[in-house]
Protein backbone atom coordinates (compact mmCIF):
# COMPACT_ATOMS: atom_id res chain seq x y z
CA MET A 1 0.00 0.00 0.00
CA LYS A 2 1.48 3.31 -1.06
CA LEU A 3 2.51 5.67 1.71
CA HIS A 4 1.33 9.26 1.90
CA SER A 5 1.56 12.08 4.39
CA PHE A 6 -1.74 13.13 5.94
CA PRO A 7 -2.75 15.65 8.58
CA LEU A 8 -3.50 13.01 11.12
CA LEU A 9 -2.20 12.29 14.52
CA ALA A 10 1.04 11.63 16.30
CA THR A 11 0.94 12.43 19.98
CA SER A 12 4.01 13.24 22.00
CA GLY A 13 4.11 15.03 25.32
CA ARG A 14 1.62 17.91 25.49
CA HIS A 15 1.15 18.42 21.77
CA THR A 16 -0.39 16.76 18.77
CA TYR A 17 1.78 16.69 15.67
CA ALA A 18 0.13 16.67 12.28
CA PRO A 19 2.23 16.27 9.14
CA HIS A 20 1.47 18.97 6.58
CA LEU A 21 0.04 17.34 3.49
CA GLY A 22 1.43 17.39 0.02
CA GLY A 23 3.50 14.20 -0.26
CA SER A 24 6.65 12.88 1.43
CA ARG A 25 9.63 12.73 -0.91
CA ASN A 26 12.01 11.85 1.88
CA ARG A 27 11.95 11.53 5.63
CA ASN A 28 13.90 14.71 6.35
CA ARG A 29 11.62 16.87 4.23
CA LEU A 30 8.56 15.34 5.87
CA LYS A 31 9.91 16.13 9.33
CA GLN A 32 10.46 19.74 8.34
CA ARG A 33 6.83 20.03 7.20
CA PHE A 34 5.28 18.83 10.42
CA VAL A 35 2.76 21.27 11.84
CA ARG A 36 2.64 21.69 15.59
CA ALA A 37 -0.79 22.13 17.13
CA ARG A 38 -2.12 22.04 20.64
CA ARG A 39 -3.87 18.89 21.66
CA PRO A 40 -7.51 19.69 22.40
CA GLU A 41 -8.71 19.28 25.95
CA ARG A 42 -10.20 15.86 26.41
CA PRO A 43 -13.48 15.75 28.35
CA SER A 44 -13.27 13.70 31.51
CA HIS A 45 -16.30 11.61 30.61
CA LEU A 46 -14.60 10.12 27.55
CA GLU A 47 -13.09 6.70 27.98
CA GLY A 48 -10.60 4.82 25.89
CA PRO A 49 -6.95 5.47 25.01
CA VAL A 50 -5.64 8.29 22.88
CA VAL A 51 -3.64 7.21 19.85
CA GLY A 52 0.05 7.17 20.67
CA ALA A 53 2.91 7.90 18.26
CA VAL A 54 1.35 7.05 14.95
CA ARG A 55 3.81 5.84 12.32
CA ARG A 56 3.46 5.60 8.58
CA PRO A 57 -0.05 6.83 7.84
CA THR A 58 -1.22 5.16 4.64
CA TYR A 59 -4.30 5.74 2.56
CA CYS A 60 -6.67 2.89 1.90
CA ALA A 61 -9.01 2.96 -1.06
CA GLY A 62 -12.04 1.72 0.83
CA VAL A 63 -12.46 -0.51 3.85
CA ASN A 64 -12.23 -4.29 3.65
CA LEU A 65 -13.96 -5.73 6.70
CA SER A 66 -13.80 -9.28 5.35
CA SER A 67 -10.02 -9.52 5.56
CA PRO A 68 -8.80 -12.57 7.52
CA LEU A 69 -6.66 -10.18 9.56
CA THR A 70 -9.81 -8.98 11.29
CA GLN A 71 -10.08 -12.36 12.96
CA ALA A 72 -6.83 -11.77 14.82
CA GLN A 73 -8.45 -9.89 17.67
CA SER A 74 -11.95 -9.19 18.92
CA VAL A 75 -12.37 -5.59 20.08
CA SER A 76 -15.41 -4.16 21.81
CA ARG A 77 -17.22 -1.20 20.21
CA VAL A 78 -17.37 2.04 22.17
CA ASN A 79 -18.58 5.60 21.72
CA THR A 80 -15.36 7.61 22.08
CA ASN A 81 -14.57 10.83 20.23
CA VAL A 82 -11.04 12.19 19.82
CA ARG A 83 -10.69 15.69 18.36
CA LEU A 84 -7.50 16.75 16.59
CA LYS A 85 -6.54 20.09 15.06
CA VAL A 86 -4.53 20.59 11.88
CA ALA A 87 -3.29 23.94 10.55
CA TYR A 88 -2.79 24.96 6.91
CA LYS A 89 -0.99 27.95 5.46
CA THR A 90 -3.55 28.62 2.74
CA LEU A 91 -7.23 27.99 2.07
CA GLN A 92 -6.28 26.25 -1.16
CA SER A 93 -4.08 23.68 0.58
CA LEU A 94 -6.85 23.01 3.12
CA VAL A 95 -9.44 22.33 0.42
CA GLY A 96 -6.96 20.26 -1.57
CA GLU A 97 -6.31 17.97 1.39
CA TYR A 98 -10.00 17.85 2.24
CA THR A 99 -10.78 16.51 -1.24
CA ARG A 100 -7.86 14.09 -1.12
CA SER A 101 -8.95 12.64 2.22
CA VAL A 102 -12.69 12.46 1.57
CA GLY A 103 -12.06 11.12 -1.93
CA LEU A 104 -9.93 8.23 -0.70
CA GLY A 105 -12.49 7.23 1.89
CA GLY A 106 -10.17 6.08 4.66
CA VAL A 107 -6.69 5.66 6.05
CA THR A 108 -4.65 2.92 7.72
CA LEU A 109 -2.58 3.98 10.73
CA GLU A 110 0.20 2.13 12.53
CA THR A 111 0.12 2.91 16.26
CA ARG A 112 1.74 1.77 19.49
CA ARG A 113 -1.64 1.41 21.19
CA SER A 114 -4.86 -0.20 20.17
CA LEU A 115 -8.17 1.63 19.96
CA PRO A 116 -11.62 0.10 20.34
CA LEU A 117 -13.78 -0.35 17.28
CA GLY A 118 -16.14 2.57 16.92
CA THR A 119 -13.65 5.14 18.23
CA ARG A 120 -14.47 8.38 16.45
CA PHE A 121 -12.08 11.08 15.29
CA THR A 122 -12.96 14.64 14.41
CA PHE A 123 -10.18 16.28 12.40
CA GLU A 124 -10.48 20.07 12.57
CA LEU A 125 -8.87 21.67 9.51
CA HIS A 126 -7.88 25.27 10.29
CA ALA A 127 -6.57 28.07 8.09
CA GLY A 128 -5.71 31.67 8.86
CA GLY A 129 -8.52 34.18 8.64
CA VAL A 130 -11.29 31.59 8.92
CA PRO A 131 -12.99 31.53 12.33
CA ARG A 132 -14.46 28.03 12.11
CA PRO A 133 -12.67 24.84 11.05
CA VAL A 134 -13.75 22.39 8.39
CA GLU A 135 -14.36 18.99 9.96
CA VAL A 136 -13.54 15.55 8.59
CA LEU A 137 -15.02 12.70 10.59
CA GLY A 138 -13.40 9.33 11.09
CA GLU A 139 -14.29 6.04 12.74
CA VAL A 140 -12.10 3.05 13.60
CA VAL A 141 -13.60 0.09 11.74
CA GLN A 142 -10.76 -2.43 11.93
CA VAL A 143 -7.95 -3.19 14.39
CA VAL A 144 -5.18 -5.65 13.51
CA PRO A 145 -2.36 -6.42 15.99
CA HIS A 146 1.13 -6.89 14.58
CA GLU A 147 2.87 -9.27 16.98
CA GLU A 148 6.42 -8.86 15.66
CA SER A 149 6.52 -5.08 15.99
CA GLN A 150 4.07 -4.98 18.93
CA ARG A 151 2.05 -2.36 17.08
CA PHE A 152 -1.48 -2.09 15.74
CA LEU A 153 -2.91 -1.30 12.33
CA LEU A 154 -6.05 0.82 12.61
CA THR A 155 -8.35 1.29 9.64
CA VAL A 156 -10.19 4.60 9.90
CA ARG A 157 -13.13 5.27 7.58
CA TYR A 158 -13.77 8.92 6.68
CA GLY A 159 -17.00 10.83 6.44
CA VAL A 160 -18.12 14.45 6.16
CA GLY A 161 -20.00 16.44 8.77
CA GLU A 162 -23.55 17.68 8.30
CA ASP A 163 -22.60 21.30 8.99
CA ARG A 164 -21.21 22.74 5.73
CA SER A 165 -21.07 26.37 6.82
CA ALA A 166 -17.28 26.45 7.37
CA LEU A 167 -16.56 24.67 4.08
CA ASP A 168 -18.96 26.92 2.16
CA ALA A 169 -17.32 30.01 3.68
CA ILE A 170 -13.86 28.86 2.60
CA LEU A 171 -15.02 28.04 -0.93
CA GLN A 172 -16.66 31.44 -1.19
CA ARG A 173 -13.45 33.18 -0.13
CA ILE A 174 -11.42 31.20 -2.68
CA TYR A 175 -13.84 31.98 -5.50
CA SER A 176 -14.12 35.63 -4.51
CA ALA A 177 -10.33 36.02 -4.48
CA ASP A 178 -10.10 34.50 -7.98
CA GLU A 179 -12.81 36.80 -9.29
CA HIS A 180 -11.20 39.85 -7.68
CA ALA A 181 -7.81 39.02 -9.21
CA GLY A 182 -9.44 38.95 -12.64
CA LEU A 183 -6.84 36.56 -14.04
CA ARG A 184 -9.33 33.86 -14.98
CA ARG A 185 -12.78 33.78 -16.47
CA PHE A 186 -13.97 31.18 -13.96
CA PRO A 187 -12.81 30.70 -10.33
CA ARG A 188 -11.02 27.43 -9.65
CA LEU A 189 -11.67 24.73 -7.06
CA PRO A 190 -8.42 23.30 -5.58
CA LEU A 191 -8.58 19.54 -5.95
CA TYR A 192 -6.51 16.43 -5.44
CA LEU A 193 -7.89 13.61 -7.56
CA ARG A 194 -5.94 10.77 -9.13
CA ALA A 195 -6.76 9.91 -12.74
CA ILE A 196 -5.70 7.15 -15.12
CA GLU A 197 -5.54 6.71 -18.87
CA ALA A 198 -6.58 3.42 -20.45
CA ALA A 199 -3.61 3.41 -22.83
CA PRO A 200 -0.94 0.85 -21.88
CA LEU A 201 2.17 2.10 -20.07
CA SER A 202 0.63 5.53 -19.58
CA PRO A 203 1.67 7.48 -16.44
CA GLY A 204 -0.66 8.52 -13.67
CA PHE A 205 -2.32 11.92 -13.55
CA VAL A 206 -3.49 14.16 -10.71
CA VAL A 207 -6.29 16.68 -11.16
CA ARG A 208 -5.13 19.75 -9.18
CA ASP A 209 -7.88 22.27 -9.94
CA ILE A 210 -11.13 22.51 -11.87
CA SER A 211 -13.59 25.22 -12.85
CA ARG A 212 -16.60 25.70 -15.10
CA GLY A 213 -14.17 26.55 -17.87
CA GLY A 214 -11.49 23.89 -17.62
CA VAL A 215 -9.14 21.73 -15.58
CA GLY A 216 -5.46 21.59 -14.61
CA LEU A 217 -3.56 18.32 -14.19
CA GLU A 218 -0.11 17.14 -13.17
CA VAL A 219 1.62 14.17 -14.78
CA GLN A 220 3.30 11.63 -12.51
CA ALA A 221 6.26 11.13 -14.84
CA PRO A 222 9.49 12.96 -15.70
CA ALA A 223 8.03 14.21 -19.00
CA LEU A 224 4.68 14.82 -20.67
CA PRO A 225 3.25 11.91 -22.68
CA ARG A 226 3.60 12.34 -26.43
CA GLN A 227 -0.13 12.72 -26.97
CA VAL A 228 -0.40 15.69 -24.58
CA LYS A 229 0.03 18.65 -26.93
CA VAL A 230 -1.72 21.97 -27.33
CA GLY A 231 -4.82 21.46 -29.47
CA THR A 232 -5.22 17.75 -28.63
CA PRO A 233 -8.84 16.69 -27.87
CA PHE A 234 -9.27 15.84 -24.19
CA LEU A 235 -11.88 14.08 -22.05
CA LEU A 236 -12.18 13.84 -18.25
CA GLU A 237 -14.61 11.26 -16.82
CA MET A 238 -15.89 10.61 -13.29
CA ASP A 239 -18.66 8.35 -12.04
CA PHE A 240 -21.37 9.86 -9.85
CA ARG A 241 -24.35 8.09 -8.31
CA GLU A 242 -26.56 10.00 -10.73
CA GLY A 243 -24.48 8.81 -13.69
CA PRO A 244 -21.16 9.59 -15.39
CA MET A 245 -19.71 13.07 -15.69
CA MET A 246 -17.94 13.49 -19.04
CA LEU A 247 -16.16 16.81 -19.58
CA HIS A 248 -14.77 17.23 -23.09
CA GLY A 249 -12.48 19.91 -24.45
CA GLU A 250 -8.93 20.36 -25.67
CA VAL A 251 -5.45 20.89 -24.26
CA VAL A 252 -4.59 24.61 -24.26
CA TRP A 253 -1.26 24.75 -22.40
CA THR A 254 1.55 22.49 -21.23
CA SER A 255 4.33 23.06 -18.72
CA THR A 256 7.57 21.43 -17.58
CA VAL A 257 8.58 24.14 -15.12
CA PRO A 258 10.31 22.97 -11.89
CA ARG A 259 8.42 23.32 -8.63
CA LYS A 260 8.97 26.50 -6.64
CA ASN A 261 12.13 26.31 -4.48
CA SER A 262 12.90 22.90 -5.97
CA GLY A 263 14.74 21.47 -8.94
CA THR A 264 12.10 18.78 -9.39
CA VAL A 265 10.17 19.06 -12.64
CA THR A 266 6.47 18.25 -12.45
CA PRO A 267 4.99 18.20 -15.96
CA GLY A 268 1.46 19.52 -16.21
CA PHE A 269 -1.15 20.73 -18.66
CA GLY A 270 -4.47 22.51 -18.79
CA ALA A 271 -7.58 21.91 -20.86
CA THR A 272 -10.63 24.03 -21.55
CA PHE A 273 -14.08 22.50 -21.70
CA GLY A 274 -16.33 22.70 -24.72
CA ARG A 275 -20.09 23.22 -24.65
CA LEU A 276 -21.34 20.76 -22.02
CA ARG A 277 -24.70 19.03 -21.93
CA PRO A 278 -27.03 20.31 -19.17
CA ASP A 279 -26.71 17.11 -17.11
CA MET A 280 -22.90 17.23 -17.33
CA GLN A 281 -22.89 20.90 -16.37
CA GLN A 282 -25.12 20.13 -13.38
CA ARG A 283 -22.73 17.44 -12.10
CA LEU A 284 -19.76 19.73 -12.59
CA ASP A 285 -21.50 22.49 -10.61
CA GLY A 286 -22.21 19.99 -7.82
CA LEU A 287 -18.53 19.03 -7.71
CA LEU A 288 -17.41 22.68 -7.69
CA SER A 289 -19.52 23.32 -4.58
CA LEU A 290 -18.50 19.94 -3.07
CA ALA A 291 -22.22 19.34 -2.58
CA THR A 292 -22.48 16.39 -4.99
CA LEU A 293 -19.64 13.95 -4.47
CA PRO A 294 -18.84 10.68 -6.26
CA PRO A 295 -18.71 7.38 -4.36
CA VAL A 296 -15.42 6.64 -2.60
CA PRO A 297 -12.80 6.05 -3.64
CA TRP A 298 -13.02 8.88 -6.15
CA LYS A 299 -11.76 7.82 -9.56
CA ALA A 300 -11.20 9.72 -12.77
CA ARG A 301 -10.20 8.75 -16.29
CA VAL A 302 -8.55 10.88 -18.96
CA SER A 303 -8.48 10.35 -22.72
CA PHE A 304 -6.66 12.14 -25.51
CA GLY A 305 -6.88 12.42 -29.27
CA MET A 306 -9.17 10.13 -31.24
CA GLU A 307 -9.99 8.04 -28.17
CA ALA A 308 -11.31 11.16 -26.44
CA VAL A 309 -13.34 12.09 -29.52
CA ALA A 310 -14.83 8.59 -29.73
CA ARG A 311 -15.89 8.68 -26.07
CA MET A 312 -17.26 12.22 -26.02
CA PRO A 313 -20.98 12.45 -25.18
């Protein structure tokens, strides 16, 4: 299972440490990006242990309760809630991690202590200038002891809270800032969504932002694929409960500029959308407001050239 950094929990002393999201290229860089936040006061009526020294948080694409590992230990179910705070430098990075976490549906944590099934987490995502945090909910649905290392693997399933006011306020501020800057026709939603192409040996893609007018993607390879050129027909597909969302258009820019303050090149490209059908536009609008979300784990597919043309609605 591929390892990722996530703003989750590692307790030590009087503080809760939450690794700032965005990927871990090496251990030293990850340590430098840790965000220090106060551990919330824990009400005296709550029972159950607090997670101790979490190592190697890893994303899981869904929860498999039928695994034979679940038979290793029987754990009672309790009603315990642990609240953790995570800070972000920008509203865009907060929303990007929110979509990454909710889209993946869950996480597997390695801890020094076990937690009862049913233990609930509330991850408070904070950013400067926003009075109320965005909340991501989590629940422990699987506990597997690892006898050799004397540690435990906890599977936490994610969910979203019913109160959307904080999330809506952040989205409004992001969109208002884009409109005020006047650099783009449509304001962009920060996003972190993995996408694949059906062509053999094609690299992975990551959707990094989307708007009513187009989409920006990064390529998980040292160079752009040959078919990604300005003017190439393009199609982005996602499955929603209401049906597929198919956004067609064409590539309008490409880039192989190194990341800021880094010599690492991350190829990317942008595409504009053509005239969308009303049902496709409605699903796109639901995604832009994060009100209509696809089933977890979120999946996307990209197509280029004649394949994109053949699949266009």
